Amino acid sequence: MPIEWKSELEIGVEEIDQQHKKLFEVANNLLQACEEEKEKGEMSQRVEEKLENLFYFLVDYTVTHFADEEELQLKYNYPHYEEHKRSHQQLIDQINQLKLDFFNADQIDTELVEQITEQIREWLTGHIGKIDRNLAEYIQSNG
């Protein structure tokens, strides 16, 4: 089941909103590939490569996106900058751990796929919907 982008997730900064939408797109591609493998019960080489590429892209894009977001926070003197930055680092650590779990698994099983799916879903909707929402409200009231 894909993670749906909703307009209420927009923070009102076009560049950041576009990056969030791209993160949803990549995450949904990753989740779809995981679901396909779960249904088959075994990992094909093609899908394994696709998942590998998606994981690397997700990690790289997330690091870039977080840097852009943190730069925006500094620009607006966001009072919760340090807390938000720590949250970003925790998310990067989580994604890296998911990637390690995936690549170190002897077999991609239903439990691992469900863990990856749930963590990505929780991360996107939770972080953007709550933590980034606070940033958006601050920027809108101070920008």
N, C-alpha and C. Protein backbone atom coordinates (compact mmCIF):
# COMPACT_ATOMS: atom_id res chain seq x y z
N MET A 1 0.84 -1.17 0.00
CA MET A 1 0.00 0.00 0.00
C MET A 1 0.89 1.25 0.00
N PRO A 2 0.75 2.10 -1.01
CA PRO A 2 1.61 3.29 -1.10
C PRO A 2 1.31 4.31 0.00
N ILE A 3 2.29 5.16 0.22
CA ILE A 3 2.15 6.25 1.16
C ILE A 3 1.67 7.45 0.36
N GLU A 4 0.52 7.95 0.69
CA GLU A 4 -0.10 9.01 -0.11
C GLU A 4 0.39 10.39 0.32
N TRP A 5 0.79 11.18 -0.68
CA TRP A 5 1.15 12.57 -0.43
C TRP A 5 -0.15 13.36 -0.25
N LYS A 6 -0.19 14.18 0.75
CA LYS A 6 -1.36 15.02 1.01
C LYS A 6 -0.92 16.47 1.08
N SER A 7 -1.75 17.36 0.61
CA SER A 7 -1.38 18.78 0.57
C SER A 7 -1.10 19.34 1.96
N GLU A 8 -1.70 18.75 2.99
CA GLU A 8 -1.43 19.26 4.34
C GLU A 8 0.00 18.98 4.81
N LEU A 9 0.74 18.18 4.05
CA LEU A 9 2.14 17.92 4.38
C LEU A 9 3.06 19.02 3.82
N GLU A 10 2.53 19.87 2.95
CA GLU A 10 3.32 20.94 2.39
C GLU A 10 3.71 21.93 3.48
N ILE A 11 4.96 22.40 3.39
CA ILE A 11 5.40 23.37 4.40
C ILE A 11 5.41 24.79 3.84
N GLY A 12 5.14 24.94 2.56
CA GLY A 12 5.07 26.27 1.99
C GLY A 12 6.37 26.79 1.42
N VAL A 13 7.39 25.95 1.38
CA VAL A 13 8.66 26.29 0.74
C VAL A 13 8.80 25.33 -0.43
N GLU A 14 8.68 25.89 -1.65
CA GLU A 14 8.58 25.06 -2.86
C GLU A 14 9.68 24.01 -2.97
N GLU A 15 10.93 24.41 -2.77
CA GLU A 15 12.04 23.47 -2.91
C GLU A 15 11.91 22.30 -1.93
N ILE A 16 11.56 22.59 -0.69
CA ILE A 16 11.43 21.53 0.32
C ILE A 16 10.22 20.67 0.02
N ASP A 17 9.11 21.28 -0.38
CA ASP A 17 7.92 20.51 -0.72
C ASP A 17 8.19 19.57 -1.89
N GLN A 18 8.93 20.03 -2.89
CA GLN A 18 9.26 19.17 -4.03
C GLN A 18 10.17 18.02 -3.59
N GLN A 19 11.10 18.30 -2.69
CA GLN A 19 11.97 17.24 -2.18
C GLN A 19 11.17 16.22 -1.39
N HIS A 20 10.22 16.69 -0.58
CA HIS A 20 9.37 15.76 0.17
C HIS A 20 8.59 14.86 -0.79
N LYS A 21 8.04 15.45 -1.84
CA LYS A 21 7.29 14.65 -2.82
C LYS A 21 8.19 13.61 -3.47
N LYS A 22 9.43 13.99 -3.77
CA LYS A 22 10.38 13.04 -4.37
C LYS A 22 10.69 11.92 -3.37
N LEU A 23 10.83 12.25 -2.10
CA LEU A 23 11.06 11.22 -1.09
C LEU A 23 9.89 10.24 -1.03
N PHE A 24 8.67 10.75 -1.13
CA PHE A 24 7.50 9.88 -1.15
C PHE A 24 7.55 8.97 -2.37
N GLU A 25 7.91 9.53 -3.52
CA GLU A 25 7.97 8.74 -4.75
C GLU A 25 8.99 7.61 -4.63
N VAL A 26 10.19 7.94 -4.16
CA VAL A 26 11.24 6.92 -4.02
C VAL A 26 10.85 5.89 -2.96
N ALA A 27 10.32 6.35 -1.85
CA ALA A 27 9.90 5.42 -0.80
C ALA A 27 8.81 4.49 -1.32
N ASN A 28 7.87 5.02 -2.09
CA ASN A 28 6.81 4.19 -2.64
C ASN A 28 7.36 3.16 -3.63
N ASN A 29 8.35 3.56 -4.43
CA ASN A 29 8.99 2.59 -5.33
C ASN A 29 9.67 1.48 -4.54
N LEU A 30 10.33 1.86 -3.46
CA LEU A 30 10.99 0.88 -2.60
C LEU A 30 9.97 -0.04 -1.95
N LEU A 31 8.90 0.53 -1.43
CA LEU A 31 7.86 -0.27 -0.78
C LEU A 31 7.18 -1.20 -1.77
N GLN A 32 6.95 -0.71 -2.99
CA GLN A 32 6.32 -1.55 -4.01
C GLN A 32 7.22 -2.74 -4.36
N ALA A 33 8.50 -2.48 -4.51
CA ALA A 33 9.44 -3.58 -4.81
C ALA A 33 9.49 -4.58 -3.67
N CYS A 34 9.46 -4.10 -2.43
CA CYS A 34 9.44 -5.00 -1.27
C CYS A 34 8.17 -5.84 -1.27
N GLU A 35 7.06 -5.22 -1.56
CA GLU A 35 5.78 -5.94 -1.58
C GLU A 35 5.77 -7.03 -2.66
N GLU A 36 6.32 -6.70 -3.83
CA GLU A 36 6.39 -7.68 -4.92
C GLU A 36 7.19 -8.90 -4.49
N GLU A 37 8.29 -8.65 -3.80
CA GLU A 37 9.12 -9.77 -3.34
C GLU A 37 8.42 -10.57 -2.26
N LYS A 38 7.71 -9.89 -1.39
CA LYS A 38 6.99 -10.58 -0.33
C LYS A 38 5.95 -11.52 -0.95
N GLU A 39 5.28 -11.06 -1.97
CA GLU A 39 4.25 -11.88 -2.62
C GLU A 39 4.86 -13.10 -3.31
N LYS A 40 6.03 -12.92 -3.92
CA LYS A 40 6.69 -14.03 -4.60
C LYS A 40 7.28 -15.04 -3.63
N GLY A 41 7.73 -14.53 -2.49
CA GLY A 41 8.34 -15.39 -1.50
C GLY A 41 9.82 -15.60 -1.72
N GLU A 42 10.36 -15.06 -2.80
CA GLU A 42 11.80 -15.16 -3.04
C GLU A 42 12.28 -13.93 -3.78
N MET A 43 13.55 -13.66 -3.67
CA MET A 43 14.13 -12.45 -4.23
C MET A 43 14.74 -12.76 -5.59
N SER A 44 14.28 -12.06 -6.62
CA SER A 44 14.89 -12.20 -7.93
C SER A 44 16.07 -11.25 -8.01
N GLN A 45 17.03 -11.56 -8.86
CA GLN A 45 18.22 -10.73 -9.01
C GLN A 45 17.84 -9.32 -9.47
N ARG A 46 16.89 -9.22 -10.40
CA ARG A 46 16.47 -7.92 -10.92
C ARG A 46 15.88 -7.04 -9.83
N VAL A 47 15.02 -7.62 -9.02
CA VAL A 47 14.38 -6.84 -7.96
C VAL A 47 15.38 -6.53 -6.85
N GLU A 48 16.27 -7.45 -6.58
CA GLU A 48 17.31 -7.19 -5.58
C GLU A 48 18.15 -5.99 -5.99
N GLU A 49 18.52 -5.92 -7.27
CA GLU A 49 19.28 -4.77 -7.77
C GLU A 49 18.46 -3.49 -7.68
N LYS A 50 17.18 -3.59 -8.01
CA LYS A 50 16.30 -2.42 -7.93
C LYS A 50 16.21 -1.92 -6.49
N LEU A 51 16.04 -2.83 -5.56
CA LEU A 51 15.97 -2.45 -4.15
C LEU A 51 17.28 -1.83 -3.69
N GLU A 52 18.38 -2.41 -4.11
CA GLU A 52 19.69 -1.88 -3.74
C GLU A 52 19.84 -0.44 -4.24
N ASN A 53 19.51 -0.21 -5.51
CA ASN A 53 19.61 1.13 -6.07
C ASN A 53 18.68 2.12 -5.36
N LEU A 54 17.48 1.67 -5.04
CA LEU A 54 16.53 2.54 -4.35
C LEU A 54 17.03 2.89 -2.95
N PHE A 55 17.60 1.92 -2.25
CA PHE A 55 18.14 2.20 -0.92
C PHE A 55 19.26 3.24 -1.00
N TYR A 56 20.18 3.05 -1.94
CA TYR A 56 21.28 4.01 -2.05
C TYR A 56 20.76 5.39 -2.41
N PHE A 57 19.81 5.46 -3.32
CA PHE A 57 19.24 6.75 -3.69
C PHE A 57 18.55 7.39 -2.49
N LEU A 58 17.77 6.61 -1.76
CA LEU A 58 17.05 7.13 -0.60
C LEU A 58 18.02 7.70 0.43
N VAL A 59 19.10 6.99 0.70
CA VAL A 59 20.09 7.47 1.67
C VAL A 59 20.72 8.78 1.17
N ASP A 60 21.19 8.79 -0.07
CA ASP A 60 21.85 9.98 -0.61
C ASP A 60 20.90 11.17 -0.68
N TYR A 61 19.69 10.93 -1.15
CA TYR A 61 18.73 12.02 -1.32
C TYR A 61 18.31 12.58 0.04
N THR A 62 18.16 11.71 1.00
CA THR A 62 17.77 12.14 2.33
C THR A 62 18.84 13.03 2.94
N VAL A 63 20.10 12.67 2.79
CA VAL A 63 21.19 13.49 3.32
C VAL A 63 21.16 14.87 2.67
N THR A 64 21.00 14.93 1.36
CA THR A 64 20.93 16.21 0.64
C THR A 64 19.72 17.02 1.10
N HIS A 65 18.59 16.37 1.18
CA HIS A 65 17.36 17.05 1.60
C HIS A 65 17.50 17.62 3.01
N PHE A 66 18.02 16.84 3.92
CA PHE A 66 18.18 17.31 5.30
C PHE A 66 19.13 18.51 5.36
N ALA A 67 20.19 18.49 4.57
CA ALA A 67 21.12 19.62 4.54
C ALA A 67 20.40 20.88 4.07
N ASP A 68 19.57 20.75 3.04
CA ASP A 68 18.81 21.90 2.54
C ASP A 68 17.84 22.41 3.59
N GLU A 69 17.18 21.48 4.27
CA GLU A 69 16.22 21.86 5.30
C GLU A 69 16.93 22.56 6.47
N GLU A 70 18.08 22.05 6.85
CA GLU A 70 18.82 22.65 7.96
C GLU A 70 19.35 24.04 7.59
N GLU A 71 19.73 24.21 6.34
CA GLU A 71 20.16 25.53 5.87
C GLU A 71 18.99 26.53 5.97
N LEU A 72 17.82 26.08 5.62
CA LEU A 72 16.62 26.91 5.73
C LEU A 72 16.35 27.29 7.19
N GLN A 73 16.53 26.34 8.08
CA GLN A 73 16.32 26.61 9.50
C GLN A 73 17.30 27.66 10.02
N LEU A 74 18.54 27.57 9.60
CA LEU A 74 19.54 28.55 10.01
C LEU A 74 19.19 29.93 9.45
N LYS A 75 18.73 29.96 8.21
CA LYS A 75 18.35 31.22 7.57
C LYS A 75 17.27 31.94 8.37
N TYR A 76 16.32 31.19 8.90
CA TYR A 76 15.20 31.77 9.65
C TYR A 76 15.42 31.76 11.17
N ASN A 77 16.63 31.41 11.60
CA ASN A 77 16.94 31.33 13.03
C ASN A 77 15.93 30.48 13.78
N TYR A 78 15.65 29.33 13.24
CA TYR A 78 14.66 28.42 13.82
C TYR A 78 15.12 28.01 15.23
N PRO A 79 14.29 28.26 16.25
CA PRO A 79 14.73 28.00 17.63
C PRO A 79 14.90 26.51 17.97
N HIS A 80 14.33 25.62 17.17
CA HIS A 80 14.43 24.18 17.44
C HIS A 80 15.40 23.50 16.47
N TYR A 81 16.34 24.28 15.96
CA TYR A 81 17.28 23.77 14.98
C TYR A 81 18.04 22.53 15.47
N GLU A 82 18.63 22.61 16.64
CA GLU A 82 19.44 21.49 17.14
C GLU A 82 18.60 20.23 17.31
N GLU A 83 17.41 20.38 17.84
CA GLU A 83 16.51 19.24 18.01
C GLU A 83 16.12 18.63 16.66
N HIS A 84 15.82 19.50 15.70
CA HIS A 84 15.43 19.05 14.36
C HIS A 84 16.61 18.35 13.69
N LYS A 85 17.79 18.90 13.86
CA LYS A 85 18.99 18.30 13.28
C LYS A 85 19.24 16.91 13.88
N ARG A 86 19.05 16.78 15.19
CA ARG A 86 19.21 15.45 15.83
C ARG A 86 18.19 14.46 15.25
N SER A 87 16.98 14.94 15.04
CA SER A 87 15.94 14.09 14.44
C SER A 87 16.37 13.62 13.05
N HIS A 88 16.96 14.52 12.28
CA HIS A 88 17.46 14.15 10.95
C HIS A 88 18.53 13.07 11.06
N GLN A 89 19.46 13.23 11.99
CA GLN A 89 20.52 12.26 12.14
C GLN A 89 19.96 10.89 12.55
N GLN A 90 18.97 10.90 13.43
CA GLN A 90 18.33 9.65 13.84
C GLN A 90 17.68 8.96 12.63
N LEU A 91 17.05 9.75 11.76
CA LEU A 91 16.42 9.18 10.58
C LEU A 91 17.45 8.62 9.61
N ILE A 92 18.55 9.32 9.43
CA ILE A 92 19.63 8.82 8.58
C ILE A 92 20.17 7.51 9.15
N ASP A 93 20.38 7.47 10.46
CA ASP A 93 20.85 6.24 11.11
C ASP A 93 19.85 5.10 10.91
N GLN A 94 18.56 5.41 11.02
CA GLN A 94 17.52 4.39 10.82
C GLN A 94 17.55 3.84 9.40
N ILE A 95 17.64 4.74 8.43
CA ILE A 95 17.67 4.29 7.02
C ILE A 95 18.92 3.46 6.77
N ASN A 96 20.05 3.89 7.29
CA ASN A 96 21.27 3.10 7.12
C ASN A 96 21.15 1.73 7.77
N GLN A 97 20.50 1.65 8.92
CA GLN A 97 20.30 0.36 9.58
C GLN A 97 19.37 -0.53 8.75
N LEU A 98 18.31 0.05 8.20
CA LEU A 98 17.41 -0.72 7.33
C LEU A 98 18.17 -1.25 6.13
N LYS A 99 19.02 -0.41 5.57
CA LYS A 99 19.82 -0.82 4.42
C LYS A 99 20.74 -1.97 4.81
N LEU A 100 21.41 -1.84 5.95
CA LEU A 100 22.29 -2.92 6.42
C LEU A 100 21.50 -4.21 6.66
N ASP A 101 20.35 -4.09 7.32
CA ASP A 101 19.52 -5.27 7.57
C ASP A 101 19.14 -5.94 6.27
N PHE A 102 18.79 -5.13 5.29
CA PHE A 102 18.38 -5.66 3.99
C PHE A 102 19.54 -6.39 3.31
N PHE A 103 20.71 -5.74 3.25
CA PHE A 103 21.84 -6.33 2.53
C PHE A 103 22.51 -7.47 3.28
N ASN A 104 22.34 -7.52 4.59
CA ASN A 104 22.93 -8.60 5.38
C ASN A 104 22.00 -9.79 5.57
N ALA A 105 20.77 -9.64 5.14
CA ALA A 105 19.80 -10.74 5.31
C ALA A 105 20.14 -11.88 4.35
N ASP A 106 20.10 -13.09 4.89
CA ASP A 106 20.32 -14.26 4.04
C ASP A 106 19.17 -14.41 3.05
N GLN A 107 18.00 -14.04 3.52
CA GLN A 107 16.80 -14.15 2.69
C GLN A 107 15.87 -13.00 3.07
N ILE A 108 15.27 -12.41 2.07
CA ILE A 108 14.31 -11.34 2.33
C ILE A 108 12.99 -12.01 2.66
N ASP A 109 12.60 -11.90 3.92
CA ASP A 109 11.36 -12.54 4.34
C ASP A 109 10.30 -11.49 4.64
N THR A 110 9.10 -11.98 4.89
CA THR A 110 7.96 -11.11 5.14
C THR A 110 8.21 -10.17 6.31
N GLU A 111 8.82 -10.67 7.36
CA GLU A 111 9.07 -9.85 8.55
C GLU A 111 9.97 -8.66 8.23
N LEU A 112 11.04 -8.89 7.47
CA LEU A 112 11.94 -7.81 7.12
C LEU A 112 11.25 -6.79 6.22
N VAL A 113 10.50 -7.26 5.25
CA VAL A 113 9.77 -6.36 4.35
C VAL A 113 8.78 -5.51 5.14
N GLU A 114 8.06 -6.13 6.06
CA GLU A 114 7.10 -5.37 6.87
C GLU A 114 7.80 -4.37 7.77
N GLN A 115 8.96 -4.71 8.31
CA GLN A 115 9.73 -3.79 9.14
C GLN A 115 10.17 -2.58 8.31
N ILE A 116 10.71 -2.83 7.14
CA ILE A 116 11.16 -1.74 6.27
C ILE A 116 9.98 -0.85 5.89
N THR A 117 8.89 -1.47 5.48
CA THR A 117 7.70 -0.74 5.07
C THR A 117 7.18 0.14 6.20
N GLU A 118 7.04 -0.42 7.37
CA GLU A 118 6.48 0.34 8.49
C GLU A 118 7.39 1.48 8.92
N GLN A 119 8.69 1.25 8.96
CA GLN A 119 9.60 2.31 9.38
C GLN A 119 9.63 3.46 8.38
N ILE A 120 9.61 3.16 7.10
CA ILE A 120 9.61 4.22 6.09
C ILE A 120 8.29 4.99 6.15
N ARG A 121 7.19 4.28 6.25
CA ARG A 121 5.88 4.93 6.33
C ARG A 121 5.80 5.84 7.57
N GLU A 122 6.24 5.33 8.70
CA GLU A 122 6.22 6.10 9.95
C GLU A 122 7.13 7.31 9.85
N TRP A 123 8.30 7.11 9.27
CA TRP A 123 9.25 8.19 9.13
C TRP A 123 8.69 9.31 8.26
N LEU A 124 8.19 8.98 7.08
CA LEU A 124 7.71 10.02 6.17
C LEU A 124 6.51 10.78 6.75
N THR A 125 5.52 10.05 7.20
CA THR A 125 4.33 10.73 7.70
C THR A 125 4.57 11.39 9.04
N GLY A 126 5.35 10.76 9.90
CA GLY A 126 5.61 11.32 11.22
C GLY A 126 6.52 12.52 11.18
N HIS A 127 7.63 12.40 10.50
CA HIS A 127 8.59 13.50 10.49
C HIS A 127 8.04 14.69 9.71
N ILE A 128 7.57 14.45 8.51
CA ILE A 128 7.08 15.56 7.69
C ILE A 128 5.79 16.12 8.29
N GLY A 129 4.90 15.23 8.71
CA GLY A 129 3.60 15.66 9.21
C GLY A 129 3.63 16.37 10.55
N LYS A 130 4.68 16.14 11.33
CA LYS A 130 4.73 16.75 12.67
C LYS A 130 5.93 17.69 12.81
N ILE A 131 7.12 17.16 12.68
CA ILE A 131 8.32 17.95 12.94
C ILE A 131 8.50 19.04 11.87
N ASP A 132 8.35 18.67 10.60
CA ASP A 132 8.47 19.67 9.54
C ASP A 132 7.29 20.63 9.56
N ARG A 133 6.16 20.17 10.01
CA ARG A 133 4.99 21.05 10.13
C ARG A 133 5.30 22.18 11.10
N ASN A 134 5.96 21.89 12.21
CA ASN A 134 6.36 22.93 13.17
C ASN A 134 7.29 23.94 12.51
N LEU A 135 8.23 23.45 11.72
CA LEU A 135 9.14 24.34 10.99
C LEU A 135 8.35 25.23 10.04
N ALA A 136 7.41 24.65 9.31
CA ALA A 136 6.58 25.41 8.36
C ALA A 136 5.82 26.53 9.06
N GLU A 137 5.23 26.20 10.18
CA GLU A 137 4.47 27.20 10.93
C GLU A 137 5.38 28.33 11.40
N TYR A 138 6.58 27.99 11.82
CA TYR A 138 7.54 29.01 12.26
C TYR A 138 7.93 29.92 11.09
N ILE A 139 8.26 29.32 9.96
CA ILE A 139 8.67 30.10 8.79
C ILE A 139 7.52 31.01 8.34
N GLN A 140 6.31 30.48 8.30
CA GLN A 140 5.18 31.27 7.85
C GLN A 140 4.90 32.45 8.80
N SER A 141 5.12 32.27 10.08
CA SER A 141 4.85 33.36 11.03
C SER A 141 6.03 34.32 11.16
N ASN A 142 7.20 33.91 10.65
CA ASN A 142 8.39 34.76 10.79
C ASN A 142 9.01 35.13 9.43
N GLY A 143 8.37 34.74 8.35
CA GLY A 143 8.98 34.98 7.04
C GLY A 143 8.24 36.00 6.27
